[in-house]
Amino acid sequence: TPSPRLLAWEHEDNRALRVGDWKIVAAGKDAP
């Protein structure tokens, strides 16, 4: 089950972070 711990990653300038059920993601280093 997703926990409050964060999971973050970056690959080829794509980036994301997940905390619990919430996730932010951006496709490219300048993408919103």
Full PDB file with SEQRES, HELIX, SHEET, SSBOND, CRYST1, ORIGX, SCALE, CONECT and MASTER records, all heavy atoms in Angstrom:
SEQRES   1 A   32  THR PRO SER PRO ARG LEU LEU ALA TRP GLU HIS GLU ASP          
SEQRES   2 A   32  ASN ARG ALA LEU ARG VAL GLY ASP TRP LYS ILE VAL ALA          
SEQRES   3 A   32  ALA GLY LYS ASP ALA PRO                                      
SHEET    1 AA1 3 LEU A   6  HIS A  11  0                                        
SHEET    2 AA1 3 ASN A  14  VAL A  19 -1                                        
SHEET    3 AA1 3 TRP A  22  ALA A  26 -1                                        
CRYST1    1.000    1.000    1.000  90.00  90.00  90.00 P 1           1          
ORIGX1      1.000000  0.000000  0.000000        0.00000                         
ORIGX2      0.000000  1.000000  0.000000        0.00000                         
ORIGX3      0.000000  0.000000  1.000000        0.00000                         
SCALE1      1.000000  0.000000  0.000000        0.00000                         
SCALE2      0.000000  1.000000  0.000000        0.00000                         
SCALE3      0.000000  0.000000  1.000000        0.00000                         
ATOM      1  N   THR A   1       0.847  -1.185   0.000  1.00  0.00           N  
ATOM      2  CA  THR A   1       0.000   0.000   0.000  1.00  0.00           C  
ATOM      3  C   THR A   1       0.881   1.233   0.000  1.00  0.00           C  
ATOM      4  O   THR A   1       1.864   1.284   0.736  1.00  0.00           O  
ATOM      5  CB  THR A   1      -0.899   0.011   1.253  1.00  0.00           C  
ATOM      6  OG1 THR A   1      -1.637  -1.199   1.289  1.00  0.00           O  
ATOM      7  CG2 THR A   1      -1.830   1.198   1.250  1.00  0.00           C  
ATOM      8  N   PRO A   2       0.560   2.216  -0.830  1.00  0.00           N  
ATOM      9  CA  PRO A   2       1.386   3.426  -0.832  1.00  0.00           C  
ATOM     10  C   PRO A   2       1.499   4.006   0.571  1.00  0.00           C  
ATOM     11  O   PRO A   2       0.535   4.050   1.316  1.00  0.00           O  
ATOM     12  CB  PRO A   2       0.612   4.377  -1.756  1.00  0.00           C  
ATOM     13  CG  PRO A   2      -0.220   3.496  -2.609  1.00  0.00           C  
ATOM     14  CD  PRO A   2      -0.542   2.295  -1.761  1.00  0.00           C  
ATOM     15  N   SER A   3       2.693   4.427   0.915  1.00  0.00           N  
ATOM     16  CA  SER A   3       2.942   4.986   2.235  1.00  0.00           C  
ATOM     17  C   SER A   3       3.209   6.478   2.091  1.00  0.00           C  
ATOM     18  O   SER A   3       3.356   6.979   0.990  1.00  0.00           O  
ATOM     19  CB  SER A   3       4.152   4.292   2.859  1.00  0.00           C  
ATOM     20  OG  SER A   3       5.323   4.712   2.199  1.00  0.00           O  
ATOM     21  N   PRO A   4       3.299   7.191   3.203  1.00  0.00           N  
ATOM     22  CA  PRO A   4       3.597   8.610   3.110  1.00  0.00           C  
ATOM     23  C   PRO A   4       5.027   8.900   2.650  1.00  0.00           C  
ATOM     24  O   PRO A   4       5.347  10.032   2.347  1.00  0.00           O  
ATOM     25  CB  PRO A   4       3.369   9.136   4.525  1.00  0.00           C  
ATOM     26  CG  PRO A   4       3.149   7.977   5.397  1.00  0.00           C  
ATOM     27  CD  PRO A   4       2.978   6.770   4.545  1.00  0.00           C  
ATOM     28  N   ARG A   5       5.880   7.874   2.617  1.00  0.00           N  
ATOM     29  CA  ARG A   5       7.238   8.087   2.107  1.00  0.00           C  
ATOM     30  C   ARG A   5       7.162   8.602   0.682  1.00  0.00           C  
ATOM     31  O   ARG A   5       6.281   8.239  -0.064  1.00  0.00           O  
ATOM     32  CB  ARG A   5       8.009   6.771   2.080  1.00  0.00           C  
ATOM     33  CG  ARG A   5       8.429   6.259   3.418  1.00  0.00           C  
ATOM     34  CD  ARG A   5       9.171   4.973   3.245  1.00  0.00           C  
ATOM     35  NE  ARG A   5      10.100   5.116   2.133  1.00  0.00           N  
ATOM     36  CZ  ARG A   5      11.311   4.618   2.093  1.00  0.00           C  
ATOM     37  NH1 ARG A   5      11.741   3.891   3.063  1.00  0.00           N  
ATOM     38  NH2 ARG A   5      12.097   4.820   1.079  1.00  0.00           N  
ATOM     39  N   LEU A   6       8.125   9.400   0.324  1.00  0.00           N  
ATOM     40  CA  LEU A   6       8.117   9.877  -1.053  1.00  0.00           C  
ATOM     41  C   LEU A   6       8.960   8.970  -1.932  1.00  0.00           C  
ATOM     42  O   LEU A   6       9.903   8.336  -1.477  1.00  0.00           O  
ATOM     43  CB  LEU A   6       8.575  11.332  -1.139  1.00  0.00           C  
ATOM     44  CG  LEU A   6      10.025  11.695  -0.837  1.00  0.00           C  
ATOM     45  CD1 LEU A   6      10.930  11.469  -2.040  1.00  0.00           C  
ATOM     46  CD2 LEU A   6      10.093  13.143  -0.439  1.00  0.00           C  
ATOM     47  N   LEU A   7       8.561   8.896  -3.170  1.00  0.00           N  
ATOM     48  CA  LEU A   7       9.290   8.172  -4.206  1.00  0.00           C  
ATOM     49  C   LEU A   7       9.532   9.173  -5.318  1.00  0.00           C  
ATOM     50  O   LEU A   7       8.575   9.724  -5.878  1.00  0.00           O  
ATOM     51  CB  LEU A   7       8.467   6.984  -4.701  1.00  0.00           C  
ATOM     52  CG  LEU A   7       9.030   6.187  -5.870  1.00  0.00           C  
ATOM     53  CD1 LEU A   7      10.356   5.538  -5.482  1.00  0.00           C  
ATOM     54  CD2 LEU A   7       8.027   5.142  -6.314  1.00  0.00           C  
ATOM     55  N   ALA A   8      10.793   9.466  -5.595  1.00  0.00           N  
ATOM     56  CA  ALA A   8      11.132  10.470  -6.597  1.00  0.00           C  
ATOM     57  C   ALA A   8      12.047   9.850  -7.639  1.00  0.00           C  
ATOM     58  O   ALA A   8      12.827   8.953  -7.334  1.00  0.00           O  
ATOM     59  CB  ALA A   8      11.823  11.658  -5.932  1.00  0.00           C  
ATOM     60  N   TRP A   9      11.939  10.344  -8.856  1.00  0.00           N  
ATOM     61  CA  TRP A   9      12.830   9.863  -9.896  1.00  0.00           C  
ATOM     62  C   TRP A   9      12.988  10.898 -10.987  1.00  0.00           C  
ATOM     63  O   TRP A   9      12.213  11.830 -11.116  1.00  0.00           O  
ATOM     64  CB  TRP A   9      12.378   8.519 -10.466  1.00  0.00           C  
ATOM     65  CG  TRP A   9      11.039   8.471 -11.133  1.00  0.00           C  
ATOM     66  CD1 TRP A   9      10.787   8.564 -12.477  1.00  0.00           C  
ATOM     67  CD2 TRP A   9       9.773   8.272 -10.509  1.00  0.00           C  
ATOM     68  NE1 TRP A   9       9.453   8.441 -12.715  1.00  0.00           N  
ATOM     69  CE2 TRP A   9       8.800   8.263 -11.520  1.00  0.00           C  
ATOM     70  CE3 TRP A   9       9.360   8.110  -9.194  1.00  0.00           C  
ATOM     71  CZ2 TRP A   9       7.452   8.097 -11.268  1.00  0.00           C  
ATOM     72  CZ3 TRP A   9       8.014   7.946  -8.936  1.00  0.00           C  
ATOM     73  CH2 TRP A   9       7.079   7.936  -9.963  1.00  0.00           C  
ATOM     74  N   GLU A  10      14.051  10.690 -11.765  1.00  0.00           N  
ATOM     75  CA  GLU A  10      14.363  11.502 -12.938  1.00  0.00           C  
ATOM     76  C   GLU A  10      15.007  10.572 -13.943  1.00  0.00           C  
ATOM     77  O   GLU A  10      15.813   9.714 -13.597  1.00  0.00           O  
ATOM     78  CB  GLU A  10      15.338  12.622 -12.547  1.00  0.00           C  
ATOM     79  CG  GLU A  10      15.675  13.592 -13.666  1.00  0.00           C  
ATOM     80  CD  GLU A  10      16.780  13.129 -14.603  1.00  0.00           C  
ATOM     81  OE1 GLU A  10      17.572  12.236 -14.228  1.00  0.00           O  
ATOM     82  OE2 GLU A  10      16.863  13.650 -15.722  1.00  0.00           O  
ATOM     83  N   HIS A  11      14.599  10.684 -15.190  1.00  0.00           N  
ATOM     84  CA  HIS A  11      15.191   9.884 -16.262  1.00  0.00           C  
ATOM     85  C   HIS A  11      15.082  10.681 -17.554  1.00  0.00           C  
ATOM     86  O   HIS A  11      13.979  11.049 -17.970  1.00  0.00           O  
ATOM     87  CB  HIS A  11      14.481   8.535 -16.396  1.00  0.00           C  
ATOM     88  CG  HIS A  11      15.050   7.666 -17.464  1.00  0.00           C  
ATOM     89  ND1 HIS A  11      16.311   7.118 -17.362  1.00  0.00           N  
ATOM     90  CD2 HIS A  11      14.554   7.269 -18.636  1.00  0.00           C  
ATOM     91  CE1 HIS A  11      16.557   6.397 -18.447  1.00  0.00           C  
ATOM     92  NE2 HIS A  11      15.505   6.486 -19.232  1.00  0.00           N  
ATOM     93  N   GLU A  12      16.235  10.963 -18.149  1.00  0.00           N  
ATOM     94  CA  GLU A  12      16.297  11.696 -19.408  1.00  0.00           C  
ATOM     95  C   GLU A  12      15.472  12.988 -19.345  1.00  0.00           C  
ATOM     96  O   GLU A  12      14.694  13.293 -20.236  1.00  0.00           O  
ATOM     97  CB  GLU A  12      15.854  10.802 -20.568  1.00  0.00           C  
ATOM     98  CG  GLU A  12      16.784   9.618 -20.764  1.00  0.00           C  
ATOM     99  CD  GLU A  12      16.373   8.708 -21.914  1.00  0.00           C  
ATOM    100  OE1 GLU A  12      15.237   8.847 -22.435  1.00  0.00           O  
ATOM    101  OE2 GLU A  12      17.190   7.859 -22.283  1.00  0.00           O  
ATOM    102  N   ASP A  13      15.649  13.731 -18.255  1.00  0.00           N  
ATOM    103  CA  ASP A  13      14.985  15.009 -17.993  1.00  0.00           C  
ATOM    104  C   ASP A  13      13.503  14.900 -17.675  1.00  0.00           C  
ATOM    105  O   ASP A  13      12.847  15.909 -17.435  1.00  0.00           O  
ATOM    106  CB  ASP A  13      15.196  16.010 -19.137  1.00  0.00           C  
ATOM    107  CG  ASP A  13      16.609  16.550 -19.173  1.00  0.00           C  
ATOM    108  OD1 ASP A  13      17.219  16.662 -18.087  1.00  0.00           O  
ATOM    109  OD2 ASP A  13      17.105  16.859 -20.260  1.00  0.00           O  
ATOM    110  N   ASN A  14      12.940  13.707 -17.681  1.00  0.00           N  
ATOM    111  CA  ASN A  14      11.572  13.524 -17.206  1.00  0.00           C  
ATOM    112  C   ASN A  14      11.669  13.316 -15.705  1.00  0.00           C  
ATOM    113  O   ASN A  14      12.609  12.717 -15.209  1.00  0.00           O  
ATOM    114  CB  ASN A  14      10.932  12.312 -17.886  1.00  0.00           C  
ATOM    115  CG  ASN A  14      10.904  12.475 -19.384  1.00  0.00           C  
ATOM    116  OD1 ASN A  14      10.323  13.416 -19.905  1.00  0.00           O  
ATOM    117  ND2 ASN A  14      11.562  11.581 -20.087  1.00  0.00           N  
ATOM    118  N   ARG A  15      10.687  13.832 -14.974  1.00  0.00           N  
ATOM    119  CA  ARG A  15      10.795  13.773 -13.526  1.00  0.00           C  
ATOM    120  C   ARG A  15       9.426  13.525 -12.902  1.00  0.00           C  
ATOM    121  O   ARG A  15       8.402  13.855 -13.504  1.00  0.00           O  
ATOM    122  CB  ARG A  15      11.415  15.052 -12.993  1.00  0.00           C  
ATOM    123  CG  ARG A  15      10.659  16.303 -13.353  1.00  0.00           C  
ATOM    124  CD  ARG A  15      11.567  17.536 -13.276  1.00  0.00           C  
ATOM    125  NE  ARG A  15      10.799  18.765 -13.307  1.00  0.00           N  
ATOM    126  CZ  ARG A  15      10.311  19.340 -14.402  1.00  0.00           C  
ATOM    127  NH1 ARG A  15      10.500  18.772 -15.571  1.00  0.00           N  
ATOM    128  NH2 ARG A  15       9.629  20.458 -14.337  1.00  0.00           N  
ATOM    129  N   ALA A  16       9.467  12.955 -11.704  1.00  0.00           N  
ATOM    130  CA  ALA A  16       8.212  12.663 -11.007  1.00  0.00           C  
ATOM    131  C   ALA A  16       8.474  12.500  -9.522  1.00  0.00           C  
ATOM    132  O   ALA A  16       9.597  12.228  -9.096  1.00  0.00           O  
ATOM    133  CB  ALA A  16       7.570  11.400 -11.570  1.00  0.00           C  
ATOM    134  N   LEU A  17       7.404  12.651  -8.765  1.00  0.00           N  
ATOM    135  CA  LEU A  17       7.444  12.432  -7.331  1.00  0.00           C  
ATOM    136  C   LEU A  17       6.084  11.898  -6.916  1.00  0.00           C  
ATOM    137  O   LEU A  17       5.057  12.388  -7.380  1.00  0.00           O  
ATOM    138  CB  LEU A  17       7.731  13.739  -6.584  1.00  0.00           C  
ATOM    139  CG  LEU A  17       7.690  13.610  -5.064  1.00  0.00           C  
ATOM    140  CD1 LEU A  17       9.046  13.918  -4.470  1.00  0.00           C  
ATOM    141  CD2 LEU A  17       6.640  14.515  -4.481  1.00  0.00           C  
ATOM    142  N   ARG A  18       6.110  10.879  -6.084  1.00  0.00           N  
ATOM    143  CA  ARG A  18       4.870  10.323  -5.555  1.00  0.00           C  
ATOM    144  C   ARG A  18       4.942  10.339  -4.037  1.00  0.00           C  
ATOM    145  O   ARG A  18       5.932   9.917  -3.443  1.00  0.00           O  
ATOM    146  CB  ARG A  18       4.654   8.902  -6.057  1.00  0.00           C  
ATOM    147  CG  ARG A  18       3.363   8.321  -5.498  1.00  0.00           C  
ATOM    148  CD  ARG A  18       2.993   7.024  -6.116  1.00  0.00           C  
ATOM    149  NE  ARG A  18       1.798   6.514  -5.443  1.00  0.00           N  
ATOM    150  CZ  ARG A  18       1.162   5.440  -5.784  1.00  0.00           C  
ATOM    151  NH1 ARG A  18       1.586   4.722  -6.796  1.00  0.00           N  
ATOM    152  NH2 ARG A  18       0.102   5.053  -5.119  1.00  0.00           N  
ATOM    153  N   VAL A  19       3.866  10.820  -3.416  1.00  0.00           N  
ATOM    154  CA  VAL A  19       3.706  10.788  -1.964  1.00  0.00           C  
ATOM    155  C   VAL A  19       2.299  10.265  -1.718  1.00  0.00           C  
ATOM    156  O   VAL A  19       1.319  10.929  -2.071  1.00  0.00           O  
ATOM    157  CB  VAL A  19       3.886  12.177  -1.321  1.00  0.00           C  
ATOM    158  CG1 VAL A  19       3.683  12.089   0.184  1.00  0.00           C  
ATOM    159  CG2 VAL A  19       5.251  12.760  -1.643  1.00  0.00           C  
ATOM    160  N   GLY A  20       2.200   9.069  -1.150  1.00  0.00           N  
ATOM    161  CA  GLY A  20       0.889   8.461  -0.948  1.00  0.00           C  
ATOM    162  C   GLY A  20       0.186   8.282  -2.277  1.00  0.00           C  
ATOM    163  O   GLY A  20       0.753   7.740  -3.215  1.00  0.00           O  
ATOM    164  N   ASP A  21      -1.028   8.784  -2.374  1.00  0.00           N  
ATOM    165  CA  ASP A  21      -1.807   8.650  -3.606  1.00  0.00           C  
ATOM    166  C   ASP A  21      -1.576   9.795  -4.589  1.00  0.00           C  
ATOM    167  O   ASP A  21      -2.149   9.802  -5.667  1.00  0.00           O  
ATOM    168  CB  ASP A  21      -3.303   8.575  -3.279  1.00  0.00           C  
ATOM    169  CG  ASP A  21      -3.685   7.257  -2.640  1.00  0.00           C  
ATOM    170  OD1 ASP A  21      -3.081   6.221  -2.984  1.00  0.00           O  
ATOM    171  OD2 ASP A  21      -4.593   7.258  -1.790  1.00  0.00           O  
ATOM    172  N   TRP A  22      -0.763  10.777  -4.211  1.00  0.00           N  
ATOM    173  CA  TRP A  22      -0.542  11.938  -5.066  1.00  0.00           C  
ATOM    174  C   TRP A  22       0.747  11.804  -5.846  1.00  0.00           C  
ATOM    175  O   TRP A  22       1.770  11.368  -5.315  1.00  0.00           O  
ATOM    176  CB  TRP A  22      -0.519  13.208  -4.230  1.00  0.00           C  
ATOM    177  CG  TRP A  22      -1.863  13.527  -3.668  1.00  0.00           C  
ATOM    178  CD1 TRP A  22      -2.323  13.199  -2.421  1.00  0.00           C  
ATOM    179  CD2 TRP A  22      -2.929  14.188  -4.336  1.00  0.00           C  
ATOM    180  NE1 TRP A  22      -3.612  13.630  -2.271  1.00  0.00           N  
ATOM    181  CE2 TRP A  22      -4.012  14.243  -3.441  1.00  0.00           C  
ATOM    182  CE3 TRP A  22      -3.078  14.740  -5.606  1.00  0.00           C  
ATOM    183  CZ2 TRP A  22      -5.216  14.836  -3.777  1.00  0.00           C  
ATOM    184  CZ3 TRP A  22      -4.278  15.335  -5.937  1.00  0.00           C  
ATOM    185  CH2 TRP A  22      -5.334  15.372  -5.029  1.00  0.00           C  
ATOM    186  N   LYS A  23       0.708  12.220  -7.108  1.00  0.00           N  
ATOM    187  CA  LYS A  23       1.878  12.126  -7.979  1.00  0.00           C  
ATOM    188  C   LYS A  23       1.968  13.377  -8.845  1.00  0.00           C  
ATOM    189  O   LYS A  23       0.967  13.815  -9.421  1.00  0.00           O  
ATOM    190  CB  LYS A  23       1.756  10.898  -8.886  1.00  0.00           C  
ATOM    191  CG  LYS A  23       2.906  10.725  -9.855  1.00  0.00           C  
ATOM    192  CD  LYS A  23       2.684   9.476 -10.710  1.00  0.00           C  
ATOM    193  CE  LYS A  23       3.766   9.297 -11.743  1.00  0.00           C  
ATOM    194  NZ  LYS A  23       3.455   8.185 -12.644  1.00  0.00           N  
ATOM    195  N   ILE A  24       3.183  13.952  -8.896  1.00  0.00           N  
ATOM    196  CA  ILE A  24       3.461  14.995  -9.882  1.00  0.00           C  
ATOM    197  C   ILE A  24       4.418  14.407 -10.901  1.00  0.00           C  
ATOM    198  O   ILE A  24       5.265  13.567 -10.577  1.00  0.00           O  
ATOM    199  CB  ILE A  24       4.029  16.300  -9.262  1.00  0.00           C  
ATOM    200  CG1 ILE A  24       5.325  16.040  -8.482  1.00  0.00           C  
ATOM    201  CG2 ILE A  24       2.991  17.024  -8.443  1.00  0.00           C  
ATOM    202  CD1 ILE A  24       6.029  17.315  -8.033  1.00  0.00           C  
ATOM    203  N   VAL A  25       4.275  14.836 -12.131  1.00  0.00           N  
ATOM    204  CA  VAL A  25       5.099  14.318 -13.213  1.00  0.00           C  
ATOM    205  C   VAL A  25       5.281  15.410 -14.259  1.00  0.00           C  
ATOM    206  O   VAL A  25       4.383  16.239 -14.466  1.00  0.00           O  
ATOM    207  CB  VAL A  25       4.461  13.039 -13.835  1.00  0.00           C  
ATOM    208  CG1 VAL A  25       3.100  13.333 -14.418  1.00  0.00           C  
ATOM    209  CG2 VAL A  25       5.361  12.397 -14.859  1.00  0.00           C  
ATOM    210  N   ALA A  26       6.458  15.446 -14.870  1.00  0.00           N  
ATOM    211  CA  ALA A  26       6.722  16.407 -15.937  1.00  0.00           C  
ATOM    212  C   ALA A  26       7.533  15.708 -17.019  1.00  0.00           C  
ATOM    213  O   ALA A  26       8.525  15.048 -16.730  1.00  0.00           O  
ATOM    214  CB  ALA A  26       7.465  17.621 -15.402  1.00  0.00           C  
ATOM    215  N   ALA A  27       7.099  15.858 -18.254  1.00  0.00           N  
ATOM    216  CA  ALA A  27       7.771  15.235 -19.398  1.00  0.00           C  
ATOM    217  C   ALA A  27       8.741  16.237 -20.007  1.00  0.00           C  
ATOM    218  O   ALA A  27       8.382  17.015 -20.880  1.00  0.00           O  
ATOM    219  CB  ALA A  27       6.741  14.774 -20.432  1.00  0.00           C  
ATOM    220  N   GLY A  28       9.968  16.234 -19.508  1.00  0.00           N  
ATOM    221  CA  GLY A  28      10.983  17.151 -19.993  1.00  0.00           C  
ATOM    222  C   GLY A  28      11.364  18.164 -18.933  1.00  0.00           C  
ATOM    223  O   GLY A  28      10.549  18.528 -18.086  1.00  0.00           O  
ATOM    224  N   LYS A  29      12.615  18.630 -18.982  1.00  0.00           N  
ATOM    225  CA  LYS A  29      13.115  19.484 -17.904  1.00  0.00           C  
ATOM    226  C   LYS A  29      12.415  20.834 -17.827  1.00  0.00           C  
ATOM    227  O   LYS A  29      12.368  21.436 -16.766  1.00  0.00           O  
ATOM    228  CB  LYS A  29      14.626  19.659 -18.007  1.00  0.00           C  
ATOM    229  CG  LYS A  29      15.116  20.503 -19.144  1.00  0.00           C  
ATOM    230  CD  LYS A  29      16.627  20.613 -19.102  1.00  0.00           C  
ATOM    231  CE  LYS A  29      17.152  21.463 -20.236  1.00  0.00           C  
ATOM    232  NZ  LYS A  29      18.585  21.606 -20.163  1.00  0.00           N  
ATOM    233  N   ASP A  30      11.856  21.323 -18.908  1.00  0.00           N  
ATOM    234  CA  ASP A  30      11.161  22.615 -18.873  1.00  0.00           C  
ATOM    235  C   ASP A  30       9.644  22.461 -18.886  1.00  0.00           C  
ATOM    236  O   ASP A  30       8.924  23.461 -18.919  1.00  0.00           O  
ATOM    237  CB  ASP A  30      11.606  23.475 -20.064  1.00  0.00           C  
ATOM    238  CG  ASP A  30      13.085  23.818 -19.987  1.00  0.00           C  
ATOM    239  OD1 ASP A  30      13.587  24.040 -18.860  1.00  0.00           O  
ATOM    240  OD2 ASP A  30      13.745  23.843 -21.041  1.00  0.00           O  
ATOM    241  N   ALA A  31       9.164  21.244 -18.863  1.00  0.00           N  
ATOM    242  CA  ALA A  31       7.720  21.008 -18.897  1.00  0.00           C  
ATOM    243  C   ALA A  31       7.100  21.355 -17.550  1.00  0.00           C  
ATOM    244  O   ALA A  31       7.731  21.199 -16.507  1.00  0.00           O  
ATOM    245  CB  ALA A  31       7.436  19.547 -19.241  1.00  0.00           C  
ATOM    246  N   PRO A  32       5.867  21.822 -17.563  1.00  0.00           N  
ATOM    247  CA  PRO A  32       5.194  22.113 -16.293  1.00  0.00           C  
ATOM    248  C   PRO A  32       4.835  20.820 -15.568  1.00  0.00           C  
ATOM    249  O   PRO A  32       4.669  19.762 -16.190  1.00  0.00           O  
ATOM    250  CB  PRO A  32       3.935  22.859 -16.726  1.00  0.00           C  
ATOM    251  CG  PRO A  32       3.667  22.378 -18.112  1.00  0.00           C  
ATOM    252  CD  PRO A  32       5.019  22.105 -18.715  1.00  0.00           C  
TER     253      PRO A  32                                                      
MASTER        0    0    0    0    3    0    0    6  252    1    0    3          
END                                                                             
